[in-house]
Amino acid sequence: MPGYVRTRLTVVATLTLVALALPLCSSADLKVDAGFDLFTSSSGTMLDGIDFVGVPIGSYNFGGAVGLQNTGNADTIIQRNQTVMVNNVGDSSTTSLTVQALQLKSATEVNFMGDGLDTYYITLRATQPDDSSMTIQFGGDTGGSFTSRLDLNLDIRKGSLTGTVVSSLDNLVLTGGDIWSRTPPPGSVTITGANVNLNGSNNADDFWPNSRDASTPEPITMSLGIAGVALFMRRRRRARRAE
């Protein structure tokens, strides 16, 4: 089996900042509760010229009273670990992130890095770095902008999600950002206590990134810094409910 490829990737992404009105709000309104974000990967996630697509997780145990839930077509689940709260409109604060699930597969059978014709999968390694984070800015009580940094250890597997590891990426750093609001886009996977009604009664403390346009991905370009390998990813879209 070929040795692991270990490299560090730094991604430069363009953050679109949106001018927002700055209404008067109490500090109690300027809060985002801890919770989960579910995404589905857009077509156009490329590694070494190979197209990868999302593999739906199917269901996930969110713990506590939420428990095991259907996650629709989500292939990525990211947890915001702390409540974010600020005193004034325009202020920002940060929460750590944990990527709880991520799984992709090649869109067709390919000969990846000379390891033979097969379907190849991208999965999270069991041990992950601990410095993923999100900074949330409040443009008012109903939304604002955010930036995020994901630091990932990934495995590339042959044949299945649990197949032989043929390559590995250490400390893959993805950075980006967008706007957020309190309201989920139409058709989104909504799970009470996980990503909606986080305060137990309404959406006043919820967080929905890129609610402006949940269906249109924007390209983010990444370079691994090793000859012949380039990774192109599109911003992940909100996961949708199973039909």
Protein backbone atom coordinates (compact mmCIF):
# COMPACT_ATOMS: atom_id res chain seq x y z
CA MET A 1 0.00 0.00 0.00
CA PRO A 2 1.46 3.42 -0.89
CA GLY A 3 2.59 5.55 2.01
CA TYR A 4 0.39 8.36 3.26
CA VAL A 5 0.75 11.74 1.62
CA ARG A 6 1.08 14.24 4.41
CA THR A 7 0.97 17.91 3.61
CA ARG A 8 -0.37 21.15 4.94
CA LEU A 9 -2.90 23.09 2.90
CA THR A 10 -3.74 26.72 3.40
CA VAL A 11 -6.82 27.94 1.60
CA VAL A 12 -7.47 31.51 0.65
CA ALA A 13 -11.18 32.14 0.20
CA THR A 14 -13.08 35.29 -0.67
CA LEU A 15 -15.46 36.49 2.03
CA THR A 16 -18.40 38.51 0.79
CA LEU A 17 -19.34 41.08 3.40
CA VAL A 18 -22.87 42.38 3.31
CA ALA A 19 -23.85 45.80 4.58
CA LEU A 20 -26.58 45.37 7.17
CA ALA A 21 -28.77 47.86 8.97
CA LEU A 22 -27.81 48.41 12.59
CA PRO A 23 -31.01 48.56 14.66
CA LEU A 24 -31.00 49.13 18.37
CA CYS A 25 -31.06 45.79 20.18
CA SER A 26 -30.63 44.57 23.72
CA SER A 27 -27.67 42.29 24.44
CA ALA A 28 -30.16 39.49 25.11
CA ASP A 29 -31.07 39.58 21.40
CA LEU A 30 -27.48 39.34 20.23
CA LYS A 31 -26.91 35.64 20.79
CA VAL A 32 -26.41 32.44 18.81
CA ASP A 33 -26.83 29.23 20.76
CA ALA A 34 -24.53 26.24 20.36
CA GLY A 35 -25.86 23.83 17.75
CA PHE A 36 -25.21 21.96 14.50
CA ASP A 37 -24.91 22.88 10.82
CA LEU A 38 -25.75 20.24 8.18
CA PHE A 39 -24.43 20.55 4.63
CA THR A 40 -24.51 18.71 1.35
CA SER A 41 -21.54 19.00 -1.01
CA SER A 42 -22.00 20.60 -4.39
CA SER A 43 -20.90 18.97 -7.61
CA GLY A 44 -17.43 20.19 -8.49
CA THR A 45 -15.39 19.02 -5.50
CA MET A 46 -12.20 18.01 -7.29
CA LEU A 47 -9.07 16.20 -6.09
CA ASP A 48 -6.29 15.55 -8.61
CA GLY A 49 -8.79 16.17 -11.41
CA ILE A 50 -11.32 13.68 -10.00
CA ASP A 51 -14.89 14.76 -9.25
CA PHE A 52 -16.10 13.84 -5.75
CA VAL A 53 -19.73 13.94 -4.58
CA GLY A 54 -21.31 13.73 -1.15
CA VAL A 55 -22.31 10.44 0.47
CA PRO A 56 -25.44 11.04 2.61
CA ILE A 57 -24.90 10.16 6.26
CA GLY A 58 -28.55 9.07 6.56
CA SER A 59 -28.94 9.54 10.30
CA TYR A 60 -26.92 10.97 13.16
CA ASN A 61 -27.14 10.82 16.95
CA PHE A 62 -27.09 14.42 18.18
CA GLY A 63 -27.14 13.29 21.79
CA GLY A 64 -29.27 14.43 24.69
CA ALA A 65 -32.99 14.88 24.14
CA VAL A 66 -32.50 15.25 20.36
CA GLY A 67 -31.02 11.78 19.92
CA LEU A 68 -30.92 9.90 16.61
CA GLN A 69 -32.39 11.87 13.69
CA ASN A 70 -32.74 11.54 9.93
CA THR A 71 -30.28 13.93 8.27
CA GLY A 72 -31.65 13.91 4.72
CA ASN A 73 -28.95 14.32 2.09
CA ALA A 74 -26.37 15.82 4.47
CA ASP A 75 -22.82 14.54 4.00
CA THR A 76 -21.17 16.97 6.43
CA ILE A 77 -22.14 17.85 10.02
CA ILE A 78 -20.36 20.64 11.89
CA GLN A 79 -21.01 21.40 15.56
CA ARG A 80 -20.77 24.88 17.08
CA ASN A 81 -19.59 24.09 20.57
CA GLN A 82 -20.30 27.28 22.51
CA THR A 83 -23.03 29.92 22.72
CA VAL A 84 -21.89 33.17 21.07
CA MET A 85 -23.14 36.40 22.66
CA VAL A 86 -22.12 40.06 22.28
CA ASN A 87 -23.18 43.33 23.88
CA ASN A 88 -23.49 45.64 20.88
CA VAL A 89 -24.56 45.54 17.24
CA GLY A 90 -21.45 45.22 15.09
CA ASP A 91 -19.56 43.17 17.68
CA SER A 92 -18.19 39.66 17.05
CA SER A 93 -17.40 36.63 19.15
CA THR A 94 -16.00 33.16 18.47
CA THR A 95 -16.97 29.54 19.07
CA SER A 96 -14.87 26.44 18.54
CA LEU A 97 -16.10 23.99 15.89
CA THR A 98 -16.04 20.21 15.68
CA VAL A 99 -16.53 18.49 12.33
CA GLN A 100 -18.58 15.49 13.42
CA ALA A 101 -19.03 13.87 10.00
CA LEU A 102 -17.77 14.30 6.44
CA GLN A 103 -17.93 11.73 3.65
CA LEU A 104 -17.44 12.01 -0.12
CA LYS A 105 -16.87 9.55 -2.96
CA SER A 106 -15.57 9.77 -6.51
CA ALA A 107 -18.44 10.37 -8.94
CA THR A 108 -17.23 7.47 -11.11
CA GLU A 109 -14.71 4.64 -10.85
CA VAL A 110 -11.21 6.04 -11.33
CA ASN A 111 -7.57 5.02 -11.05
CA PHE A 112 -6.60 7.32 -8.19
CA MET A 113 -2.83 7.89 -7.89
CA GLY A 114 -2.17 4.54 -9.58
CA ASP A 115 -4.00 2.45 -6.98
CA GLY A 116 -6.30 0.74 -9.49
CA LEU A 117 -9.74 1.37 -10.97
CA ASP A 118 -12.29 1.74 -8.18
CA THR A 119 -14.52 4.17 -6.31
CA TYR A 120 -12.53 6.26 -3.82
CA TYR A 121 -13.86 7.87 -0.66
CA ILE A 122 -12.82 10.85 1.47
CA THR A 123 -13.49 10.42 5.20
CA LEU A 124 -12.55 12.06 8.49
CA ARG A 125 -9.73 10.48 10.41
CA ALA A 126 -10.58 9.41 13.95
CA THR A 127 -8.24 12.02 15.45
CA GLN A 128 -8.81 15.64 14.43
CA PRO A 129 -6.99 18.90 15.21
CA ASP A 130 -8.67 21.02 17.88
CA ASP A 131 -8.38 24.51 16.39
CA SER A 132 -11.40 24.75 14.08
CA SER A 133 -13.46 27.85 14.86
CA MET A 134 -16.13 30.30 13.71
CA THR A 135 -16.33 34.03 14.41
CA ILE A 136 -19.88 35.38 14.27
CA GLN A 137 -20.58 39.09 13.70
CA PHE A 138 -23.96 40.56 14.62
CA GLY A 139 -25.37 43.13 12.18
CA GLY A 140 -28.51 43.14 14.30
CA ASP A 141 -30.70 40.67 16.17
CA THR A 142 -31.65 38.76 13.00
CA GLY A 143 -28.29 38.15 11.34
CA GLY A 144 -24.86 39.32 10.30
CA SER A 145 -21.72 37.82 8.81
CA PHE A 146 -19.30 35.08 9.85
CA THR A 147 -15.90 33.62 9.07
CA SER A 148 -14.86 30.04 9.71
CA ARG A 149 -11.66 28.02 9.84
CA LEU A 150 -11.71 24.23 9.56
CA ASP A 151 -8.54 22.24 10.31
CA LEU A 152 -9.05 18.64 9.17
CA ASN A 153 -7.27 15.30 9.00
CA LEU A 154 -8.69 13.32 6.07
CA ASP A 155 -8.20 9.81 4.68
CA ILE A 156 -8.71 8.71 1.08
CA ARG A 157 -10.06 5.16 1.03
CA LYS A 158 -10.46 2.61 -1.75
CA GLY A 159 -13.74 0.82 -2.41
CA SER A 160 -15.85 1.96 0.54
CA LEU A 161 -16.12 4.37 3.45
CA THR A 162 -14.19 1.80 5.54
CA GLY A 163 -11.86 0.61 2.78
CA THR A 164 -8.06 0.60 2.71
CA VAL A 165 -6.49 4.02 3.22
CA VAL A 166 -4.42 4.82 0.14
CA SER A 167 -3.55 8.42 0.97
CA SER A 168 -3.92 10.88 3.81
CA LEU A 169 -4.06 14.64 4.31
CA ASP A 170 -2.94 16.19 7.59
CA ASN A 171 -4.04 19.62 8.79
CA LEU A 172 -6.08 20.51 5.72
CA VAL A 173 -7.05 24.11 6.50
CA LEU A 174 -10.22 25.52 4.89
CA THR A 175 -11.21 29.13 5.47
CA GLY A 176 -14.24 31.05 4.29
CA GLY A 177 -17.28 33.01 5.32
CA ASP A 178 -20.62 34.49 4.33
CA ILE A 179 -23.75 35.94 5.89
CA TRP A 180 -26.20 34.31 8.30
CA SER A 181 -29.77 34.78 9.49
CA ARG A 182 -32.25 33.18 11.88
CA THR A 183 -34.41 31.54 9.20
CA PRO A 184 -33.66 28.25 7.39
CA PRO A 185 -33.81 28.27 3.57
CA PRO A 186 -36.85 26.43 2.11
CA GLY A 187 -36.43 22.66 2.08
CA SER A 188 -33.59 22.58 4.60
CA VAL A 189 -33.18 19.72 7.06
CA THR A 190 -34.59 21.10 10.31
CA ILE A 191 -34.10 19.24 13.58
CA THR A 192 -35.54 20.80 16.73
CA GLY A 193 -32.85 21.26 19.35
CA ALA A 194 -30.05 20.65 16.87
CA ASN A 195 -30.40 23.48 14.34
CA VAL A 196 -33.85 25.04 14.94
CA ASN A 197 -35.52 26.36 18.09
CA LEU A 198 -32.21 26.10 19.89
CA ASN A 199 -33.55 28.06 22.86
CA GLY A 200 -36.41 25.58 23.27
CA SER A 201 -39.22 27.81 22.03
CA ASN A 202 -38.43 29.80 18.85
CA ASN A 203 -35.74 30.74 16.35
CA ALA A 204 -34.54 33.87 18.18
CA ASP A 205 -31.13 32.29 18.90
CA ASP A 206 -30.78 30.13 15.76
CA PHE A 207 -27.99 30.38 13.16
CA TRP A 208 -28.39 29.64 9.44
CA PRO A 209 -25.34 30.49 7.30
CA ASN A 210 -25.82 31.82 3.77
CA SER A 211 -29.61 31.90 4.02
CA ARG A 212 -29.54 34.53 1.27
CA ASP A 213 -28.99 31.86 -1.41
CA ALA A 214 -28.81 28.27 -0.25
CA SER A 215 -28.81 26.73 -3.70
CA THR A 216 -26.01 28.55 -5.52
CA PRO A 217 -22.49 27.44 -4.57
CA GLU A 218 -19.47 29.67 -5.07
CA PRO A 219 -16.08 28.22 -6.01
CA ILE A 220 -13.22 28.12 -3.54
CA THR A 221 -9.84 27.16 -4.97
CA MET A 222 -7.20 25.31 -2.96
CA SER A 223 -3.71 24.13 -3.79
CA LEU A 224 -2.02 21.26 -2.01
CA GLY A 225 1.43 22.53 -2.87
CA ILE A 226 2.57 19.18 -4.35
CA ALA A 227 3.13 18.62 -8.07
CA GLY A 228 0.14 17.48 -10.12
CA VAL A 229 -2.44 17.71 -7.31
CA ALA A 230 -5.02 20.47 -7.00
CA LEU A 231 -8.17 20.48 -4.93
CA PHE A 232 -11.15 22.59 -5.95
CA MET A 233 -14.13 22.75 -3.65
CA ARG A 234 -17.40 24.59 -3.86
CA ARG A 235 -19.03 26.04 -0.82
CA ARG A 236 -21.28 23.45 0.74
CA ARG A 237 -25.01 23.94 0.41
CA ARG A 238 -27.57 23.45 3.13
CA ALA A 239 -28.62 19.84 3.45
CA ARG A 240 -32.18 19.20 2.35
CA ARG A 241 -34.86 16.93 3.68
CA ALA A 242 -35.21 13.51 2.12
CA GLU A 243 -38.03 13.44 -0.42
